Amino acid sequence: MITGAAASIGLACAEAFAKEGATTILVDINKPEAQARKLMNEGYQMIAYGCDVSNTQAVKEMVDWIVATYGRLDAAHDQKTDPIGPDAAQSVQQNQ
């Protein structure tokens, strides 16, 4: 899971994760569908997810969805401008 994945460093990180074989969830406040589609067309496992990561409840719901869908969350890379809050970080830790 990469936050801030719509552009720049976040998108580059998502691509690097994917190149290593990870199913990568691109997260941004506006669902980064075009970015995910481009990388999927290159053969990578990408999922676009729209989430306001400054909203603790939204992050919890996202992490819950990831765990329910994939069974676990192996890595979370927070590339957005402001770090996620402590409640959101705790939600990620509880679902590992």
Protein backbone atom coordinates (compact mmCIF):
# COMPACT_ATOMS: atom_id res chain seq x y z
CA MET A 1 0.00 0.00 0.00
CA ILE A 2 1.45 3.32 -1.11
CA THR A 3 -0.23 6.59 -0.11
CA GLY A 4 0.28 9.65 -2.27
CA ALA A 5 0.60 7.27 -5.21
CA ALA A 6 -1.02 9.41 -7.91
CA ALA A 7 2.22 11.12 -8.94
CA SER A 8 5.88 11.80 -8.34
CA ILE A 9 7.72 9.88 -5.63
CA GLY A 10 4.63 7.98 -4.52
CA LEU A 11 4.00 6.67 -8.03
CA ALA A 12 7.68 5.79 -8.45
CA CYS A 13 7.57 3.86 -5.15
CA ALA A 14 4.45 2.00 -6.27
CA GLU A 15 6.16 1.03 -9.50
CA ALA A 16 9.25 -0.16 -7.59
CA PHE A 17 7.10 -2.33 -5.28
CA ALA A 18 5.29 -3.79 -8.29
CA LYS A 19 8.54 -4.55 -10.13
CA GLU A 20 9.57 -6.64 -7.12
CA GLY A 21 6.40 -8.71 -7.53
CA ALA A 22 4.13 -7.08 -4.96
CA THR A 23 0.44 -6.64 -5.49
CA THR A 24 0.48 -2.88 -4.99
CA ILE A 25 -2.38 -0.70 -3.83
CA LEU A 26 -2.06 2.85 -5.11
CA VAL A 27 -3.79 5.16 -2.63
CA ASP A 28 -4.59 8.81 -3.14
CA ILE A 29 -7.41 11.16 -2.17
CA ASN A 30 -8.63 10.89 -5.78
CA LYS A 31 -8.59 7.24 -6.81
CA PRO A 32 -5.52 6.92 -9.09
CA GLU A 33 -7.19 4.72 -11.70
CA ALA A 34 -5.25 5.96 -14.74
CA GLN A 35 -1.92 5.40 -12.99
CA ALA A 36 -2.91 1.90 -11.88
CA ARG A 37 -4.26 1.04 -15.35
CA LYS A 38 -1.02 2.16 -17.02
CA LEU A 39 1.06 -0.08 -14.75
CA MET A 40 -1.41 -2.96 -15.08
CA ASN A 41 -1.02 -2.70 -18.87
CA GLU A 42 2.72 -3.18 -18.30
CA GLY A 43 1.95 -6.45 -16.50
CA TYR A 44 2.04 -5.39 -12.85
CA GLN A 45 -0.52 -6.19 -10.15
CA MET A 46 -1.96 -2.79 -9.26
CA ILE A 47 -5.12 -1.71 -7.46
CA ALA A 48 -6.32 1.91 -7.29
CA TYR A 49 -7.95 3.02 -4.04
CA GLY A 50 -9.33 6.45 -3.22
CA CYS A 51 -8.84 7.45 0.41
CA ASP A 52 -8.39 10.64 2.39
CA VAL A 53 -5.60 9.39 4.64
CA SER A 54 -6.01 12.37 6.96
CA ASN A 55 -9.31 10.73 7.99
CA THR A 56 -8.57 8.03 10.57
CA GLN A 57 -11.85 6.20 9.97
CA ALA A 58 -11.24 6.13 6.21
CA VAL A 59 -7.77 4.66 6.77
CA LYS A 60 -9.17 2.01 9.11
CA GLU A 61 -11.79 1.07 6.52
CA MET A 62 -9.10 0.87 3.83
CA VAL A 63 -6.84 -1.35 5.92
CA ASP A 64 -9.81 -3.53 6.87
CA TRP A 65 -10.67 -3.88 3.16
CA ILE A 66 -7.09 -4.78 2.28
CA VAL A 67 -6.93 -7.46 4.98
CA ALA A 68 -10.37 -8.83 4.07
CA THR A 69 -9.46 -8.94 0.36
CA TYR A 70 -5.84 -10.11 0.50
CA GLY A 71 -5.55 -11.72 3.92
CA ARG A 72 -2.85 -9.35 5.15
CA LEU A 73 -1.01 -6.09 4.61
CA ASP A 74 2.72 -6.68 4.27
CA ALA A 75 3.93 -3.11 3.87
CA ALA A 76 2.61 0.44 4.07
CA HIS A 77 4.56 3.33 2.56
CA ASP A 78 3.22 6.77 3.49
CA GLN A 79 4.35 9.14 0.73
CA LYS A 80 1.74 11.85 1.16
CA THR A 81 2.75 15.27 2.46
CA ASP A 82 1.59 14.90 6.06
CA PRO A 83 2.18 11.67 7.98
CA ILE A 84 -0.87 9.64 8.87
CA GLY A 85 -2.08 10.18 12.41
CA PRO A 86 -1.27 7.85 15.30
CA ASP A 87 -4.76 6.33 15.27
CA ALA A 88 -4.38 5.37 11.61
CA ALA A 89 -0.91 3.94 12.20
CA GLN A 90 -2.29 1.89 15.07
CA SER A 91 -5.02 0.54 12.78
CA VAL A 92 -2.35 -0.66 10.35
CA GLN A 93 -0.39 -2.35 13.16
CA GLN A 94 -3.49 -4.09 14.52
CA ASN A 95 -4.30 -5.59 11.13
CA GLN A 96 -0.90 -7.11 10.38
